[in-house]
Amino acid sequence: MTDLLIQLDDLPDEILTFIFKKLYNYEVLYSLMGVNQRINRIAHDRIFTRHLRLLEYCRIDDSSLPLSDPILDRFCSTILPTIGHQIETLYLEGTSIERALHATNYPNLNNLGLCDIDDKLARSFFSDTNPLIHVFNNQISSLFINFLNKENDPYSKSIIYASIFTKIWTIFTNLRCLEFNSSSSFRDGVFISIILPETAISSTLLELHVDVCNMMDCLEILDERFDQLRILYINICHIDTSTFNKEQNEKLLPNLRIFSLCCNNEISLGAFNESIVPLLRRMINLEELDLNIIVQHCEKFIDGDILKKDIMVHMPQLYKFTFNIYSTITYHYQTNFPLNESIEKTFKSFSNNQITTCIDHWESDSQCHIYSHPYHWKIYHHITNNFPDGLFNSVTQILLFDEYPFEHEFFLRISRSFPFMKQLTIVNRKAQQIKSNNDNQILSIIEYSNLIRLDLSYVHDDYVELFLFNMNMSLPNNLHLRVHYKSLERVTRCFTRYMTEIKRTKIAALLFSPMDQIDEYHIKNYFPYTCIHRTYNFI
């Protein structure tokens, strides 16, 4: 270590700064402060002290992990009191929030992040009797709050979160940006139902990110209480055709410049026409629009002509329109479905984007997927054998669905297109036609190196066999596998089939439905390194 420090000391300040910037700021401060006078001076530079995250990142569930006790002890006793006056942005994990905020004064703290806080801490931290939060009420301009969603009680959580959302406007009087529990995983998120009192008004808020239950909650936010709002990113759990206050729903929203709406649950064509379209038409000065929706039971596919006629023509200032839209038609509405080429033609006048269109036809319905480039969403759903390929570096969660079987080459294409995929769900009840574990076949190895969670709850047994026993499928370490017990029992031949020790060790957790009748004794004998959970969703 001494030799390394001598070698570092021989480098100029510019090179040392460049090297240290490759590390997390908390690592620079913890490892280098106090080493010697020169390195200590560099570590105290505002480059490393202005923005600080006192937490680590968990790959499994996108949550935050606390720093180890020795590291946190040193920060609270020595480092934070020394640099507290320089910190402008501070992100804290739930268990360390109060301790870190009590460690020193933060006169220049403007941006505060509270990551993975549980219900108990949330209630006490945002209570009227907590003096700590009121110390910062006038100086915090940007607030990030992410709640810990480990327990299966979304209703009670929603009530607690809605109460905190309301309190924020009375506590932080100078707030300009709020990110409130914006889901890293849409399926696991908790959505709040917003009922704002008349006192919940902010004339300073410019940007808001929030997950809400329905369109009424969205309209509650846009009812002029936040009259300076310029940017709104909103995830909506359900969008229906609920009746709204007609007068409220016709008021223009001239201040809004950027709007993003995401709903990963399917909505009806009526909800699109009666809820989404009227809302968007009120945003007459919108400059950027991001739309991520799934519309079912359409009379015709949503295409470029519909987007222009129903939305874009009402937004003369719009210069950036990104979208990821699925639409489905059933045979009840139509028997003559358009070809992919006819959908492509409707986007000829979209000069600012490259557009991909993809149509699939099945026994009872057809699906059309249209999206703009570059694809920036974390989720890519309803991938079929007709998938148009591409490189999707932003995507971490995908869902494969088809009424035709997935074969080896398809899974190989998926591995190449989604290099950072962490969660994979497969829905396919069709048996594979080509058994890729044939010893006479020479096939490429399929690797999903970043995969953490694999859901095989809705598949034919062939796909369970593919991942567990096929030598051409390489399993990543620490895999969490959700599967039906009966399927696992059949594929493993009642837990007697030979499986390599390497593959056994790679499965960190098995997740079964609470309704499954399982034999934990045989499971643990077959997968001795695996934790067993009973849950409807990933944990």
Protein backbone atom coordinates (compact mmCIF):
# COMPACT_ATOMS: atom_id res chain seq x y z
CA MET A 1 0.00 0.00 0.00
CA THR A 2 2.90 2.33 0.85
CA ASP A 3 4.48 1.69 -2.56
CA LEU A 4 1.17 2.44 -4.26
CA LEU A 5 0.87 5.78 -2.44
CA ILE A 6 4.39 6.71 -3.45
CA GLN A 7 3.55 5.95 -7.08
CA LEU A 8 0.36 8.01 -6.83
CA ASP A 9 2.26 10.91 -5.33
CA ASP A 10 4.50 10.96 -8.40
CA LEU A 11 1.48 11.76 -10.65
CA PRO A 12 0.32 15.34 -11.32
CA ASP A 13 -2.91 16.60 -9.72
CA GLU A 14 -4.80 16.45 -13.01
CA ILE A 15 -4.05 12.72 -13.46
CA LEU A 16 -4.94 11.92 -9.85
CA THR A 17 -8.24 13.75 -10.20
CA PHE A 18 -8.98 11.86 -13.41
CA ILE A 19 -8.29 8.53 -11.66
CA PHE A 20 -10.34 9.37 -8.55
CA LYS A 21 -13.32 10.41 -10.70
CA LYS A 22 -13.58 6.76 -11.81
CA LEU A 23 -14.55 5.88 -8.23
CA TYR A 24 -17.71 6.66 -6.30
CA ASN A 25 -17.30 9.89 -4.32
CA TYR A 26 -17.87 8.13 -0.98
CA GLU A 27 -15.03 5.70 -1.86
CA VAL A 28 -12.67 8.60 -2.57
CA LEU A 29 -13.53 10.32 0.70
CA TYR A 30 -13.41 7.17 2.84
CA SER A 31 -10.23 5.72 1.33
CA LEU A 32 -8.13 8.83 0.69
CA MET A 33 -9.00 11.51 3.23
CA GLY A 34 -6.14 11.81 5.71
CA VAL A 35 -3.64 9.75 3.68
CA ASN A 36 -1.31 12.72 3.22
CA GLN A 37 -1.64 16.46 2.82
CA ARG A 38 -1.65 16.51 -1.00
CA ILE A 39 -4.13 13.66 -1.57
CA ASN A 40 -6.25 15.00 1.25
CA ARG A 41 -6.45 18.36 -0.55
CA ILE A 42 -7.55 16.68 -3.80
CA ALA A 43 -10.15 14.55 -1.99
CA HIS A 44 -11.59 17.75 -0.46
CA ASP A 45 -12.15 19.24 -3.92
CA ARG A 46 -15.78 20.11 -4.66
CA ILE A 47 -15.69 17.53 -7.47
CA PHE A 48 -15.85 14.84 -4.76
CA THR A 49 -17.72 16.63 -1.97
CA ARG A 50 -20.49 18.51 -3.78
CA HIS A 51 -22.53 15.40 -4.68
CA LEU A 52 -22.47 12.46 -2.30
CA ARG A 53 -24.32 9.12 -2.22
CA LEU A 54 -23.91 7.28 1.09
CA LEU A 55 -25.30 3.98 -0.17
CA GLU A 56 -24.56 1.01 -2.37
CA TYR A 57 -26.65 -0.42 -5.19
CA CYS A 58 -28.23 -3.90 -5.15
CA ARG A 59 -28.41 -5.56 -8.59
CA ILE A 60 -31.06 -8.08 -7.58
CA ASP A 61 -34.02 -5.79 -6.96
CA ASP A 62 -32.76 -2.29 -7.85
CA SER A 63 -32.80 -1.34 -4.18
CA SER A 64 -30.22 0.56 -2.13
CA LEU A 65 -27.95 -1.10 0.41
CA PRO A 66 -26.59 0.63 3.51
CA LEU A 67 -22.89 1.22 3.83
CA SER A 68 -21.11 -1.07 6.25
CA ASP A 69 -21.03 0.09 9.89
CA PRO A 70 -17.28 0.97 9.92
CA ILE A 71 -17.64 3.12 6.79
CA LEU A 72 -20.78 4.87 8.06
CA ASP A 73 -19.20 5.38 11.50
CA ARG A 74 -16.23 7.18 9.97
CA PHE A 75 -18.42 9.33 7.74
CA CYS A 76 -20.62 10.46 10.61
CA SER A 77 -17.81 11.03 13.11
CA THR A 78 -15.08 12.50 10.90
CA ILE A 79 -15.80 13.03 7.22
CA LEU A 80 -19.26 14.69 7.17
CA PRO A 81 -18.39 17.27 9.88
CA THR A 82 -15.39 18.24 7.74
CA ILE A 83 -17.16 18.61 4.38
CA GLY A 84 -20.78 19.31 5.41
CA HIS A 85 -20.62 22.92 4.28
CA GLN A 86 -19.58 21.81 0.76
CA ILE A 87 -22.36 19.24 0.20
CA GLU A 88 -25.09 20.34 -2.20
CA THR A 89 -26.56 16.92 -3.06
CA LEU A 90 -26.92 14.09 -0.55
CA TYR A 91 -28.49 10.66 -1.16
CA LEU A 92 -29.07 8.49 1.91
CA GLU A 93 -30.31 4.94 2.43
CA GLY A 94 -33.22 4.43 4.84
CA THR A 95 -31.31 3.08 7.85
CA SER A 96 -28.71 5.87 7.79
CA ILE A 97 -30.90 8.92 7.13
CA GLU A 98 -31.35 10.35 10.62
CA ARG A 99 -27.82 9.51 11.73
CA ALA A 100 -26.21 11.19 8.71
CA LEU A 101 -28.42 14.29 8.88
CA HIS A 102 -27.61 14.69 12.59
CA ALA A 103 -23.85 14.36 11.98
CA THR A 104 -23.31 18.00 11.00
CA ASN A 105 -24.86 21.12 9.49
CA TYR A 106 -25.53 21.29 5.75
CA PRO A 107 -25.94 25.00 4.97
CA ASN A 108 -25.68 24.49 1.19
CA LEU A 109 -27.73 21.29 0.87
CA ASN A 110 -30.25 21.81 -1.94
CA ASN A 111 -30.87 18.29 -3.27
CA LEU A 112 -31.89 15.52 -0.88
CA GLY A 113 -32.46 11.85 -1.78
CA LEU A 114 -34.15 9.43 0.63
CA CYS A 115 -33.78 5.90 -0.74
CA ASP A 116 -35.68 2.77 0.32
CA ILE A 117 -37.28 4.18 3.44
CA ASP A 118 -39.80 1.92 5.17
CA ASP A 119 -43.27 2.83 6.38
CA LYS A 120 -42.30 3.39 10.01
CA LEU A 121 -39.42 5.71 9.16
CA ALA A 122 -41.55 7.55 6.59
CA ARG A 123 -44.27 8.29 9.14
CA SER A 124 -41.83 9.54 11.78
CA PHE A 125 -39.56 11.45 9.41
CA PHE A 126 -42.39 13.46 7.85
CA SER A 127 -44.33 13.97 11.08
CA ASP A 128 -45.05 17.47 12.38
CA THR A 129 -43.09 16.70 15.55
CA ASN A 130 -39.82 15.81 13.81
CA PRO A 131 -37.58 18.90 14.04
CA LEU A 132 -34.94 17.42 11.73
CA ILE A 133 -36.88 17.70 8.48
CA HIS A 134 -37.97 21.26 9.24
CA VAL A 135 -34.33 22.38 9.40
CA PHE A 136 -34.21 21.99 5.63
CA ASN A 137 -37.71 23.13 4.75
CA ASN A 138 -36.63 26.35 3.00
CA GLN A 139 -33.37 25.24 1.42
CA ILE A 140 -34.33 21.95 -0.30
CA SER A 141 -35.18 22.63 -3.93
CA SER A 142 -34.96 19.04 -5.22
CA LEU A 143 -36.31 16.03 -3.30
CA PHE A 144 -36.09 12.35 -4.24
CA ILE A 145 -38.09 9.79 -2.22
CA ASN A 146 -38.11 6.07 -2.89
CA PHE A 147 -40.00 3.70 -0.58
CA LEU A 148 -39.12 0.14 0.37
CA ASN A 149 -41.67 -2.11 -1.34
CA LYS A 150 -40.80 -5.50 0.12
CA GLU A 151 -44.07 -6.33 1.84
CA ASN A 152 -47.26 -7.39 0.09
CA ASP A 153 -49.61 -4.74 1.42
CA PRO A 154 -49.89 -2.15 -1.36
CA TYR A 155 -53.19 -0.69 -0.13
CA SER A 156 -51.94 0.42 3.29
CA LYS A 157 -48.69 1.62 1.73
CA SER A 158 -50.64 3.69 -0.78
CA ILE A 159 -52.49 5.46 2.04
CA ILE A 160 -49.26 6.23 3.89
CA TYR A 161 -47.51 7.48 0.76
CA ALA A 162 -50.46 9.65 -0.25
CA SER A 163 -50.40 11.27 3.20
CA ILE A 164 -46.68 12.00 2.88
CA PHE A 165 -47.15 13.37 -0.64
CA THR A 166 -49.68 15.84 0.82
CA LYS A 167 -47.39 16.83 3.71
CA ILE A 168 -44.50 17.65 1.42
CA TRP A 169 -46.14 20.85 0.18
CA THR A 170 -46.41 22.25 3.71
CA ILE A 171 -42.90 21.19 4.74
CA PHE A 172 -40.76 22.14 1.72
CA THR A 173 -41.75 25.64 0.75
CA ASN A 174 -39.09 26.15 -1.92
CA LEU A 175 -39.39 22.85 -3.76
CA ARG A 176 -38.73 22.96 -7.51
CA CYS A 177 -38.31 19.27 -8.35
CA LEU A 178 -39.92 16.22 -6.71
CA GLU A 179 -39.37 12.56 -7.62
CA PHE A 180 -41.85 10.66 -5.49
CA ASN A 181 -41.49 6.86 -5.49
CA SER A 182 -41.02 6.74 -9.24
CA SER A 183 -40.92 2.98 -9.88
CA SER A 184 -37.72 1.30 -10.92
CA SER A 185 -39.82 -1.81 -11.46
CA PHE A 186 -43.29 -0.99 -12.68
CA ARG A 187 -44.86 -4.30 -11.64
CA ASP A 188 -43.55 -4.08 -8.08
CA GLY A 189 -44.35 -0.40 -7.56
CA VAL A 190 -46.93 1.07 -5.18
CA PHE A 191 -49.24 3.63 -6.74
CA ILE A 192 -50.87 6.39 -4.73
CA SER A 193 -54.36 7.80 -4.97
CA ILE A 194 -54.12 11.56 -4.65
CA ILE A 195 -56.67 13.70 -2.87
CA LEU A 196 -55.03 17.06 -2.29
CA PRO A 197 -56.52 19.52 0.21
CA GLU A 198 -56.92 23.11 -0.85
CA THR A 199 -53.88 24.06 1.22
CA ALA A 200 -51.62 21.74 -0.82
CA ILE A 201 -50.43 24.40 -3.25
CA SER A 202 -46.98 25.09 -4.65
CA SER A 203 -46.08 28.11 -6.73
CA THR A 204 -42.44 26.97 -7.04
CA LEU A 205 -42.69 23.36 -8.31
CA LEU A 206 -41.33 23.04 -11.86
CA GLU A 207 -40.78 19.28 -12.22
CA LEU A 208 -42.65 16.26 -10.82
CA HIS A 209 -42.15 12.48 -11.16
CA VAL A 210 -44.84 10.35 -9.51
CA ASP A 211 -46.70 7.01 -9.69
CA VAL A 212 -50.49 7.28 -9.33
CA CYS A 213 -53.44 4.89 -9.39
CA ASN A 214 -55.61 6.34 -12.15
CA MET A 215 -56.29 9.27 -14.46
CA MET A 216 -58.25 11.12 -11.80
CA ASP A 217 -55.03 11.39 -9.78
CA CYS A 218 -53.28 12.86 -12.81
CA LEU A 219 -56.02 15.45 -13.20
CA GLU A 220 -55.77 16.27 -9.48
CA ILE A 221 -52.15 17.24 -10.03
CA LEU A 222 -53.04 19.34 -13.08
CA ASP A 223 -55.88 21.32 -11.49
CA GLU A 224 -53.84 24.57 -11.20
CA ARG A 225 -52.52 23.94 -7.67
CA PHE A 226 -49.06 23.62 -9.23
CA ASP A 227 -49.48 26.45 -11.67
CA GLN A 228 -45.76 26.74 -12.46
CA LEU A 229 -45.31 23.05 -13.33
CA ARG A 230 -43.28 22.68 -16.52
CA ILE A 231 -42.25 19.00 -16.48
CA LEU A 232 -44.42 16.03 -15.48
CA TYR A 233 -43.39 12.36 -15.60
CA ILE A 234 -46.26 10.16 -14.50
CA ASN A 235 -46.74 6.40 -14.25
CA ILE A 236 -50.42 5.46 -14.07
CA CYS A 237 -51.50 2.02 -12.89
CA HIS A 238 -54.94 2.02 -14.55
CA ILE A 239 -56.54 4.28 -17.14
CA ASP A 240 -60.26 3.93 -17.70
CA THR A 241 -63.13 6.00 -19.08
CA SER A 242 -64.24 7.43 -15.73
CA THR A 243 -66.28 10.60 -16.01
CA PHE A 244 -64.47 13.80 -15.08
CA ASN A 245 -65.52 17.27 -14.21
CA LYS A 246 -66.16 18.59 -17.73
CA GLU A 247 -65.08 22.13 -16.91
CA GLN A 248 -61.90 20.91 -15.24
CA ASN A 249 -61.09 18.59 -18.12
CA GLU A 250 -61.32 21.41 -20.71
CA LYS A 251 -58.98 23.92 -19.04
CA LEU A 252 -55.82 24.42 -21.04
CA LEU A 253 -52.40 23.63 -19.59
CA PRO A 254 -50.26 26.28 -21.30
CA ASN A 255 -47.31 26.10 -18.89
CA LEU A 256 -46.52 22.42 -19.37
CA ARG A 257 -43.51 21.90 -21.66
CA ILE A 258 -42.51 18.26 -21.11
CA PHE A 259 -44.94 15.42 -20.40
CA SER A 260 -44.33 11.69 -20.05
CA LEU A 261 -47.16 9.19 -19.52
CA CYS A 262 -46.56 5.50 -18.93
CA CYS A 263 -49.15 2.78 -18.26
CA ASN A 264 -47.88 -0.78 -18.55
CA ASN A 265 -51.31 -2.26 -17.83
CA GLU A 266 -53.60 -2.67 -20.81
CA ILE A 267 -56.16 0.06 -21.48
CA SER A 268 -59.22 0.10 -23.72
CA LEU A 269 -59.63 2.08 -26.91
CA GLY A 270 -62.28 4.12 -25.07
CA ALA A 271 -59.75 5.05 -22.39
CA PHE A 272 -57.33 6.18 -25.09
CA ASN A 273 -59.94 8.30 -26.88
CA GLU A 274 -61.79 9.66 -23.84
CA SER A 275 -59.01 10.02 -21.25
CA ILE A 276 -55.57 10.29 -22.83
CA VAL A 277 -56.37 12.21 -26.04
CA PRO A 278 -58.46 14.97 -24.32
CA LEU A 279 -55.74 15.44 -21.69
CA LEU A 280 -52.98 15.78 -24.28
CA ARG A 281 -54.98 18.28 -26.34
CA ARG A 282 -54.99 20.65 -23.36
CA MET A 283 -51.18 20.88 -23.47
CA ILE A 284 -51.09 23.47 -26.24
CA ASN A 285 -47.47 24.56 -25.66
CA LEU A 286 -45.98 21.13 -25.12
CA GLU A 287 -42.50 20.74 -26.60
CA GLU A 288 -41.65 17.15 -25.63
CA LEU A 289 -44.06 14.22 -25.31
CA ASP A 290 -43.31 10.67 -24.24
CA LEU A 291 -46.12 8.10 -24.49
CA ASN A 292 -45.86 4.46 -23.37
CA ILE A 293 -49.18 2.56 -23.51
CA ILE A 294 -50.88 -0.72 -24.47
CA VAL A 295 -54.30 -0.30 -26.12
CA GLN A 296 -56.48 -3.36 -26.58
CA HIS A 297 -59.66 -4.12 -28.58
CA CYS A 298 -59.05 -1.44 -31.20
CA GLU A 299 -61.09 -1.10 -34.37
CA LYS A 300 -57.84 -0.35 -36.21
CA PHE A 301 -54.21 -0.25 -35.18
CA ILE A 302 -52.86 2.97 -33.69
CA ASP A 303 -50.56 4.32 -36.39
CA GLY A 304 -48.92 7.54 -37.54
CA ASP A 305 -52.14 8.92 -39.01
CA ILE A 306 -54.01 8.54 -35.69
CA LEU A 307 -51.16 10.10 -33.71
CA LYS A 308 -51.03 13.09 -36.05
CA LYS A 309 -54.79 13.62 -36.24
CA ASP A 310 -55.66 13.04 -32.57
CA ILE A 311 -52.58 14.45 -30.82
CA MET A 312 -49.82 16.16 -32.77
CA VAL A 313 -51.95 18.62 -34.74
CA HIS A 314 -53.10 20.08 -31.42
CA MET A 315 -49.51 20.73 -30.26
CA PRO A 316 -47.94 23.33 -32.57
CA GLN A 317 -44.82 23.68 -30.38
CA LEU A 318 -44.09 19.93 -30.24
CA TYR A 319 -40.62 19.13 -31.56
CA LYS A 320 -39.83 15.82 -29.80
CA PHE A 321 -42.32 12.94 -29.71
CA THR A 322 -41.12 9.58 -28.38
CA PHE A 323 -43.55 6.71 -28.08
CA ASN A 324 -43.81 3.00 -27.38
CA ILE A 325 -47.34 1.87 -28.26
CA TYR A 326 -48.95 -1.54 -28.56
CA SER A 327 -52.43 -1.90 -30.05
CA THR A 328 -54.48 -5.05 -30.62
CA ILE A 329 -57.40 -5.90 -32.89
CA THR A 330 -59.67 -8.90 -32.32
CA TYR A 331 -61.58 -10.75 -35.01
CA HIS A 332 -64.76 -9.24 -33.55
CA TYR A 333 -63.76 -5.92 -35.13
CA GLN A 334 -61.97 -6.92 -38.29
CA THR A 335 -60.96 -9.89 -40.42
CA ASN A 336 -58.71 -8.10 -42.93
CA PHE A 337 -55.65 -6.87 -41.06
CA PRO A 338 -53.20 -4.33 -42.51
CA LEU A 339 -49.69 -5.35 -43.47
CA ASN A 340 -46.61 -3.95 -41.77
CA GLU A 341 -45.78 -1.93 -44.89
CA SER A 342 -49.07 -0.03 -44.69
CA ILE A 343 -48.37 0.95 -41.07
CA GLU A 344 -44.88 2.11 -42.01
CA LYS A 345 -46.28 4.46 -44.67
CA THR A 346 -48.27 6.39 -42.03
CA PHE A 347 -44.97 7.54 -40.47
CA LYS A 348 -43.39 8.96 -43.64
CA SER A 349 -43.84 12.54 -42.40
CA PHE A 350 -42.25 11.86 -38.97
CA SER A 351 -39.00 13.57 -39.82
CA ASN A 352 -37.45 13.80 -36.34
CA ASN A 353 -37.53 10.09 -35.48
CA GLN A 354 -36.77 6.70 -36.89
CA ILE A 355 -39.86 4.52 -36.31
CA THR A 356 -40.05 0.74 -36.01
CA THR A 357 -43.33 -1.06 -36.71
CA CYS A 358 -44.02 -4.74 -36.13
CA ILE A 359 -47.27 -6.70 -36.64
CA ASP A 360 -48.11 -10.19 -35.35
CA HIS A 361 -51.17 -12.23 -36.34
CA TRP A 362 -52.54 -15.00 -34.10
CA GLU A 363 -55.64 -17.20 -34.04
CA SER A 364 -57.98 -14.70 -32.40
CA ASP A 365 -56.30 -11.32 -32.69
CA SER A 366 -53.41 -9.30 -34.04
CA GLN A 367 -50.88 -6.99 -32.37
CA CYS A 368 -49.12 -3.92 -33.73
CA HIS A 369 -46.08 -2.50 -31.95
CA ILE A 370 -44.76 0.92 -32.92
CA TYR A 371 -41.88 2.71 -31.24
CA SER A 372 -39.50 5.59 -31.88
CA HIS A 373 -35.72 5.49 -31.78
CA PRO A 374 -33.63 5.55 -29.75
CA TYR A 375 -35.57 3.18 -27.47
CA HIS A 376 -35.05 4.59 -23.97
CA TRP A 377 -37.53 2.64 -21.81
CA LYS A 378 -36.44 0.04 -19.26
CA ILE A 379 -39.20 -2.40 -20.20
CA TYR A 380 -39.83 -4.16 -23.52
CA HIS A 381 -43.01 -6.28 -23.47
CA HIS A 382 -44.73 -8.72 -25.85
CA ILE A 383 -41.63 -9.76 -27.77
CA THR A 384 -42.54 -12.38 -30.37
CA ASN A 385 -40.68 -14.49 -32.92
CA ASN A 386 -41.29 -11.57 -35.28
CA PHE A 387 -39.08 -9.34 -33.12
CA PRO A 388 -37.20 -6.95 -35.46
CA ASP A 389 -33.85 -7.19 -33.58
CA GLY A 390 -31.73 -4.20 -32.63
CA LEU A 391 -29.58 -3.16 -29.69
CA PHE A 392 -31.48 -2.02 -26.59
CA ASN A 393 -28.98 -0.93 -23.96
CA SER A 394 -31.60 0.78 -21.78
CA VAL A 395 -33.82 -2.28 -21.35
CA THR A 396 -33.54 -4.28 -18.12
CA GLN A 397 -36.94 -6.05 -18.09
CA ILE A 398 -38.43 -7.98 -21.00
CA LEU A 399 -41.44 -10.22 -21.56
CA LEU A 400 -41.53 -12.83 -24.34
CA PHE A 401 -44.96 -13.83 -25.60
CA ASP A 402 -46.08 -15.82 -28.61
CA GLU A 403 -48.54 -18.50 -29.73
CA TYR A 404 -45.72 -20.12 -31.70
CA PRO A 405 -42.76 -21.82 -29.97
CA PHE A 406 -39.49 -20.08 -29.19
CA GLU A 407 -36.46 -21.95 -30.49
CA HIS A 408 -32.72 -21.75 -29.82
CA GLU A 409 -31.98 -19.08 -32.43
CA PHE A 410 -34.65 -16.82 -30.99
CA PHE A 411 -33.14 -16.93 -27.49
CA LEU A 412 -29.73 -16.24 -29.02
CA ARG A 413 -31.14 -13.12 -30.74
CA ILE A 414 -32.59 -11.96 -27.43
CA SER A 415 -29.22 -12.28 -25.69
CA ARG A 416 -27.60 -10.11 -28.37
CA SER A 417 -30.33 -7.46 -28.42
CA PHE A 418 -30.65 -7.00 -24.63
CA PRO A 419 -27.13 -7.15 -23.13
CA PHE A 420 -28.21 -5.54 -19.83
CA MET A 421 -31.38 -7.56 -19.26
CA LYS A 422 -31.92 -8.32 -15.58
CA GLN A 423 -35.49 -9.63 -15.55
CA LEU A 424 -36.94 -12.07 -18.09
CA THR A 425 -40.54 -13.31 -18.21
CA ILE A 426 -41.60 -15.91 -20.75
CA VAL A 427 -45.21 -16.65 -21.67
CA ASN A 428 -45.43 -19.54 -24.14
CA ARG A 429 -47.44 -22.75 -23.80
CA LYS A 430 -46.25 -24.28 -27.08
CA ALA A 431 -43.72 -27.12 -27.06
CA GLN A 432 -40.46 -26.49 -28.84
CA GLN A 433 -40.29 -28.14 -32.26
CA ILE A 434 -36.51 -28.43 -32.27
CA LYS A 435 -34.92 -29.97 -29.18
CA SER A 436 -31.68 -27.99 -28.91
CA ASN A 437 -30.12 -30.44 -26.43
CA ASN A 438 -29.45 -32.93 -29.22
CA ASP A 439 -25.85 -34.09 -28.84
CA ASN A 440 -25.35 -34.03 -32.62
CA GLN A 441 -26.10 -30.32 -32.84
CA ILE A 442 -23.39 -27.71 -32.67
CA LEU A 443 -25.11 -24.57 -31.38
CA SER A 444 -23.92 -21.27 -29.99
CA ILE A 445 -23.93 -20.87 -26.23
CA ILE A 446 -26.71 -18.56 -24.99
CA GLU A 447 -25.58 -16.24 -22.21
CA TYR A 448 -27.69 -13.79 -20.21
CA SER A 449 -24.82 -12.53 -18.11
CA ASN A 450 -26.79 -9.82 -16.25
CA LEU A 451 -29.97 -11.83 -15.68
CA ILE A 452 -31.11 -11.85 -12.05
CA ARG A 453 -34.79 -12.79 -12.19
CA LEU A 454 -36.37 -15.39 -14.48
CA ASP A 455 -40.13 -16.02 -14.55
CA LEU A 456 -41.17 -19.36 -16.08
CA SER A 457 -44.63 -19.53 -14.52
CA TYR A 458 -46.52 -19.49 -17.82
CA VAL A 459 -44.52 -21.78 -20.08
CA HIS A 460 -44.42 -25.28 -21.50
CA ASP A 461 -42.06 -27.61 -19.65
CA ASP A 462 -39.62 -27.38 -22.58
CA TYR A 463 -38.54 -23.89 -21.48
CA VAL A 464 -37.91 -24.95 -17.88
CA GLU A 465 -35.79 -27.78 -19.26
CA LEU A 466 -33.98 -25.39 -21.59
CA PHE A 467 -32.75 -23.15 -18.76
CA LEU A 468 -32.02 -25.86 -16.20
CA PHE A 469 -30.59 -28.72 -18.27
CA ASN A 470 -29.61 -27.56 -21.74
CA MET A 471 -25.83 -27.34 -22.04
CA ASN A 472 -26.19 -24.53 -24.60
CA MET A 473 -27.85 -22.28 -22.01
CA SER A 474 -25.42 -20.70 -19.57
CA LEU A 475 -27.05 -19.65 -16.31
CA PRO A 476 -25.79 -16.51 -14.56
CA ASN A 477 -24.86 -16.51 -10.88
CA ASN A 478 -27.40 -15.63 -8.19
CA LEU A 479 -30.47 -16.40 -10.33
CA HIS A 480 -33.95 -15.97 -8.81
CA LEU A 481 -36.30 -18.38 -10.59
CA ARG A 482 -40.10 -18.22 -10.44
CA VAL A 483 -41.72 -21.45 -11.64
CA HIS A 484 -44.75 -23.69 -11.08
CA TYR A 485 -43.90 -26.51 -8.73
CA LYS A 486 -45.55 -29.22 -10.87
CA SER A 487 -43.57 -28.12 -13.91
CA LEU A 488 -40.33 -28.22 -11.94
CA GLU A 489 -41.25 -31.62 -10.56
CA ARG A 490 -41.90 -33.02 -14.06
CA VAL A 491 -38.74 -31.61 -15.62
CA THR A 492 -36.50 -32.84 -12.78
CA ARG A 493 -38.30 -36.24 -12.77
CA CYS A 494 -39.38 -35.81 -9.18
CA PHE A 495 -35.99 -34.30 -8.30
CA THR A 496 -33.99 -37.36 -9.38
CA ARG A 497 -32.61 -36.15 -12.73
CA TYR A 498 -28.92 -35.40 -12.86
CA MET A 499 -28.03 -31.70 -12.85
CA THR A 500 -24.50 -30.35 -12.83
CA GLU A 501 -23.28 -28.97 -9.54
CA ILE A 502 -22.44 -25.69 -11.26
CA LYS A 503 -26.04 -25.11 -12.29
CA ARG A 504 -27.36 -26.06 -8.85
CA THR A 505 -25.19 -23.40 -7.21
CA LYS A 506 -26.28 -20.68 -9.61
CA ILE A 507 -29.94 -20.73 -8.49
CA ALA A 508 -30.10 -18.50 -5.42
CA ALA A 509 -33.88 -18.56 -4.94
CA LEU A 510 -36.94 -20.48 -6.10
CA LEU A 511 -40.25 -18.64 -6.03
CA PHE A 512 -43.54 -20.56 -6.01
CA SER A 513 -47.14 -19.46 -5.94
CA PRO A 514 -48.74 -19.56 -2.45
CA MET A 515 -51.29 -21.94 -4.00
CA ASP A 516 -48.66 -24.52 -5.00
CA GLN A 517 -48.45 -27.72 -2.94
CA ILE A 518 -44.69 -28.10 -2.65
CA ASP A 519 -42.34 -30.63 -1.07
CA GLU A 520 -39.66 -28.47 0.54
CA TYR A 521 -37.65 -31.49 1.68
CA HIS A 522 -37.05 -32.76 -1.86
CA ILE A 523 -36.48 -29.25 -3.19
CA LYS A 524 -33.79 -28.52 -0.60
CA ASN A 525 -32.11 -31.85 -1.26
CA TYR A 526 -32.02 -31.12 -4.98
CA PHE A 527 -31.14 -27.41 -4.67
CA PRO A 528 -29.18 -27.29 -1.37
CA TYR A 529 -27.98 -23.69 -1.89
CA THR A 530 -31.39 -22.26 -2.74
CA CYS A 531 -33.83 -20.18 -0.69
CA ILE A 532 -37.53 -20.98 -1.13
CA HIS A 533 -40.16 -18.24 -1.26
CA ARG A 534 -43.92 -18.29 -1.79
CA THR A 535 -45.15 -15.18 -3.54
CA TYR A 536 -47.28 -14.01 -6.46
CA ASN A 537 -44.56 -11.63 -7.63
CA PHE A 538 -40.83 -11.31 -7.51
CA ILE A 539 -39.44 -10.11 -4.18
